[in-house]
Amino acid sequence: MITKETKPRAELRDILMYEIRKSPECSQVISVVIKTTRRNLDFCNWYAEWILEDRRVKCPLAIKITKKLQAQFDLA
């Protein structure tokens, strides 16, 4: 099993929103909620639920950024 640095929920949210704000294409993202998930083997123990201005508009880059951070950090 891979050992990752752990972060509290609020810090993960802040890191994720900081990364999202760097990308103008994600401007419809208002906020994010970090939720716990069951871990299977080397997978992450959290996921992100996005709060968007318009539910019909998606931000694929937000998902890529989330996956990158999930590979680096676990929820404490």
N, C-alpha and C. Protein backbone atom coordinates (compact mmCIF):
# COMPACT_ATOMS: atom_id res chain seq x y z
N MET A 1 0.83 -1.19 0.00
CA MET A 1 0.00 0.00 0.00
C MET A 1 0.88 1.25 0.00
N ILE A 2 0.52 2.22 -0.80
CA ILE A 2 1.28 3.46 -0.91
C ILE A 2 0.98 4.35 0.30
N THR A 3 2.02 4.91 0.89
CA THR A 3 1.84 5.84 2.01
C THR A 3 1.83 7.26 1.46
N LYS A 4 0.78 7.98 1.75
CA LYS A 4 0.63 9.36 1.28
C LYS A 4 0.55 10.30 2.48
N GLU A 5 0.88 11.54 2.24
CA GLU A 5 0.72 12.55 3.27
C GLU A 5 -0.77 12.73 3.54
N THR A 6 -1.14 12.88 4.81
CA THR A 6 -2.55 13.09 5.15
C THR A 6 -2.81 14.56 5.42
N LYS A 7 -3.99 14.99 5.05
CA LYS A 7 -4.42 16.37 5.24
C LYS A 7 -5.84 16.37 5.80
N PRO A 8 -6.14 17.34 6.66
CA PRO A 8 -7.53 17.47 7.12
C PRO A 8 -8.44 17.93 5.97
N ARG A 9 -9.71 17.67 6.13
CA ARG A 9 -10.71 17.99 5.09
C ARG A 9 -10.62 19.45 4.62
N ALA A 10 -10.54 20.39 5.56
CA ALA A 10 -10.51 21.81 5.20
C ALA A 10 -9.27 22.16 4.38
N GLU A 11 -8.14 21.55 4.73
CA GLU A 11 -6.91 21.84 3.99
C GLU A 11 -6.96 21.25 2.58
N LEU A 12 -7.51 20.05 2.44
CA LEU A 12 -7.68 19.46 1.10
C LEU A 12 -8.58 20.34 0.24
N ARG A 13 -9.66 20.82 0.84
CA ARG A 13 -10.58 21.71 0.11
C ARG A 13 -9.85 22.97 -0.34
N ASP A 14 -9.07 23.56 0.55
CA ASP A 14 -8.34 24.79 0.21
C ASP A 14 -7.31 24.56 -0.90
N ILE A 15 -6.59 23.45 -0.82
CA ILE A 15 -5.59 23.13 -1.85
C ILE A 15 -6.29 22.92 -3.19
N LEU A 16 -7.37 22.18 -3.18
CA LEU A 16 -8.11 21.91 -4.41
C LEU A 16 -8.67 23.18 -5.02
N MET A 17 -9.26 24.04 -4.21
CA MET A 17 -9.81 25.29 -4.74
C MET A 17 -8.70 26.22 -5.24
N TYR A 18 -7.56 26.22 -4.58
CA TYR A 18 -6.42 27.02 -5.04
C TYR A 18 -6.00 26.59 -6.43
N GLU A 19 -5.89 25.28 -6.65
CA GLU A 19 -5.50 24.76 -7.96
C GLU A 19 -6.56 25.07 -9.02
N ILE A 20 -7.83 24.96 -8.66
CA ILE A 20 -8.93 25.23 -9.59
C ILE A 20 -8.93 26.70 -10.00
N ARG A 21 -8.68 27.59 -9.06
CA ARG A 21 -8.71 29.03 -9.34
C ARG A 21 -7.61 29.46 -10.31
N LYS A 22 -6.60 28.65 -10.49
CA LYS A 22 -5.53 28.95 -11.46
C LYS A 22 -6.02 28.80 -12.90
N SER A 23 -7.14 28.10 -13.10
CA SER A 23 -7.62 27.79 -14.45
C SER A 23 -8.91 28.53 -14.76
N PRO A 24 -8.87 29.50 -15.67
CA PRO A 24 -10.08 30.25 -16.04
C PRO A 24 -11.21 29.35 -16.56
N GLU A 25 -10.86 28.22 -17.16
CA GLU A 25 -11.90 27.34 -17.69
C GLU A 25 -12.75 26.70 -16.59
N CYS A 26 -12.31 26.82 -15.35
CA CYS A 26 -13.07 26.28 -14.21
C CYS A 26 -13.77 27.39 -13.44
N SER A 27 -14.03 28.49 -14.08
CA SER A 27 -14.62 29.64 -13.38
C SER A 27 -16.02 29.36 -12.84
N GLN A 28 -16.73 28.36 -13.39
CA GLN A 28 -18.08 28.04 -12.90
C GLN A 28 -18.06 27.27 -11.59
N VAL A 29 -16.88 26.83 -11.14
CA VAL A 29 -16.77 26.12 -9.86
C VAL A 29 -16.86 27.13 -8.72
N ILE A 30 -17.88 26.99 -7.91
CA ILE A 30 -18.10 27.90 -6.78
C ILE A 30 -17.36 27.38 -5.54
N SER A 31 -17.48 26.07 -5.30
CA SER A 31 -16.88 25.48 -4.12
C SER A 31 -16.77 23.98 -4.32
N VAL A 32 -16.20 23.32 -3.32
CA VAL A 32 -16.05 21.87 -3.36
C VAL A 32 -16.27 21.32 -1.95
N VAL A 33 -16.85 20.14 -1.89
CA VAL A 33 -17.04 19.44 -0.63
C VAL A 33 -16.21 18.16 -0.70
N ILE A 34 -15.37 17.95 0.30
CA ILE A 34 -14.54 16.75 0.37
C ILE A 34 -15.29 15.70 1.18
N LYS A 35 -15.46 14.52 0.59
CA LYS A 35 -16.19 13.44 1.27
C LYS A 35 -15.31 12.21 1.39
N THR A 36 -15.56 11.45 2.43
CA THR A 36 -14.81 10.22 2.69
C THR A 36 -15.39 9.08 1.85
N THR A 37 -14.49 8.22 1.41
CA THR A 37 -14.91 7.01 0.70
C THR A 37 -14.14 5.83 1.26
N ARG A 38 -14.63 4.64 1.06
CA ARG A 38 -13.92 3.45 1.52
C ARG A 38 -12.71 3.22 0.64
N ARG A 39 -11.62 2.85 1.24
CA ARG A 39 -10.38 2.62 0.49
C ARG A 39 -10.32 1.17 0.04
N ASN A 40 -9.96 0.99 -1.22
CA ASN A 40 -9.69 -0.32 -1.78
C ASN A 40 -8.25 -0.33 -2.24
N LEU A 41 -7.42 -1.13 -1.59
CA LEU A 41 -6.01 -1.27 -1.92
C LEU A 41 -5.30 0.08 -1.90
N ASP A 42 -4.76 0.51 -3.03
CA ASP A 42 -3.97 1.75 -3.07
C ASP A 42 -4.76 2.96 -3.54
N PHE A 43 -6.07 2.88 -3.53
CA PHE A 43 -6.88 4.00 -3.99
C PHE A 43 -7.02 5.06 -2.90
N CYS A 44 -7.52 6.20 -3.29
CA CYS A 44 -7.67 7.31 -2.34
C CYS A 44 -8.81 7.03 -1.35
N ASN A 45 -8.83 7.79 -0.26
CA ASN A 45 -9.89 7.63 0.74
C ASN A 45 -10.84 8.83 0.78
N TRP A 46 -10.81 9.64 -0.28
CA TRP A 46 -11.71 10.79 -0.36
C TRP A 46 -12.07 11.08 -1.81
N TYR A 47 -13.14 11.83 -1.97
CA TYR A 47 -13.52 12.32 -3.30
C TYR A 47 -14.10 13.71 -3.17
N ALA A 48 -14.26 14.39 -4.29
CA ALA A 48 -14.74 15.77 -4.29
C ALA A 48 -16.11 15.85 -4.95
N GLU A 49 -17.00 16.60 -4.34
CA GLU A 49 -18.28 16.94 -4.96
C GLU A 49 -18.25 18.43 -5.25
N TRP A 50 -18.44 18.76 -6.50
CA TRP A 50 -18.31 20.15 -6.95
C TRP A 50 -19.62 20.89 -6.84
N ILE A 51 -19.55 22.15 -6.44
CA ILE A 51 -20.69 23.05 -6.44
C ILE A 51 -20.43 24.03 -7.59
N LEU A 52 -21.32 23.97 -8.59
CA LEU A 52 -21.13 24.75 -9.81
C LEU A 52 -22.21 25.81 -9.97
N GLU A 53 -21.87 26.87 -10.69
CA GLU A 53 -22.87 27.91 -10.97
C GLU A 53 -24.00 27.35 -11.83
N ASP A 54 -23.66 26.51 -12.79
CA ASP A 54 -24.64 25.94 -13.70
C ASP A 54 -24.40 24.43 -13.75
N ARG A 55 -25.35 23.65 -13.30
CA ARG A 55 -25.18 22.19 -13.23
C ARG A 55 -24.99 21.57 -14.61
N ARG A 56 -25.43 22.25 -15.65
CA ARG A 56 -25.32 21.68 -16.99
C ARG A 56 -23.91 21.81 -17.55
N VAL A 57 -23.10 22.69 -16.97
CA VAL A 57 -21.74 22.92 -17.43
C VAL A 57 -20.78 22.12 -16.56
N LYS A 58 -19.95 21.33 -17.16
CA LYS A 58 -18.98 20.52 -16.42
C LYS A 58 -17.58 21.09 -16.60
N CYS A 59 -16.70 20.73 -15.71
CA CYS A 59 -15.31 21.18 -15.79
C CYS A 59 -14.41 19.94 -15.73
N PRO A 60 -14.07 19.35 -16.87
CA PRO A 60 -13.22 18.17 -16.88
C PRO A 60 -11.86 18.40 -16.22
N LEU A 61 -11.35 19.62 -16.31
CA LEU A 61 -10.06 19.91 -15.69
C LEU A 61 -10.13 19.77 -14.17
N ALA A 62 -11.27 20.10 -13.58
CA ALA A 62 -11.43 19.95 -12.12
C ALA A 62 -11.27 18.49 -11.72
N ILE A 63 -11.76 17.59 -12.54
CA ILE A 63 -11.63 16.16 -12.25
C ILE A 63 -10.17 15.73 -12.35
N LYS A 64 -9.46 16.22 -13.36
CA LYS A 64 -8.04 15.89 -13.51
C LYS A 64 -7.22 16.41 -12.32
N ILE A 65 -7.51 17.62 -11.89
CA ILE A 65 -6.80 18.20 -10.75
C ILE A 65 -7.09 17.38 -9.49
N THR A 66 -8.35 16.97 -9.32
CA THR A 66 -8.72 16.16 -8.16
C THR A 66 -7.95 14.85 -8.15
N LYS A 67 -7.88 14.19 -9.29
CA LYS A 67 -7.18 12.90 -9.37
C LYS A 67 -5.70 13.07 -9.05
N LYS A 68 -5.11 14.16 -9.50
CA LYS A 68 -3.70 14.42 -9.20
C LYS A 68 -3.50 14.57 -7.68
N LEU A 69 -4.39 15.32 -7.04
CA LEU A 69 -4.27 15.52 -5.59
C LEU A 69 -4.61 14.26 -4.81
N GLN A 70 -5.53 13.45 -5.32
CA GLN A 70 -5.85 12.18 -4.65
C GLN A 70 -4.64 11.26 -4.65
N ALA A 71 -3.81 11.35 -5.67
CA ALA A 71 -2.61 10.52 -5.74
C ALA A 71 -1.55 11.00 -4.73
N GLN A 72 -1.63 12.26 -4.33
CA GLN A 72 -0.64 12.84 -3.42
C GLN A 72 -1.06 12.80 -1.96
N PHE A 73 -2.37 12.98 -1.69
CA PHE A 73 -2.83 13.17 -0.32
C PHE A 73 -3.98 12.23 0.04
N ASP A 74 -4.00 11.83 1.29
CA ASP A 74 -5.13 11.12 1.88
C ASP A 74 -5.82 12.05 2.86
N LEU A 75 -7.09 11.77 3.08
CA LEU A 75 -7.86 12.50 4.08
C LEU A 75 -7.47 12.01 5.46
N ALA A 76 -7.14 12.94 6.34
CA ALA A 76 -6.72 12.57 7.72
C ALA A 76 -7.91 12.09 8.53
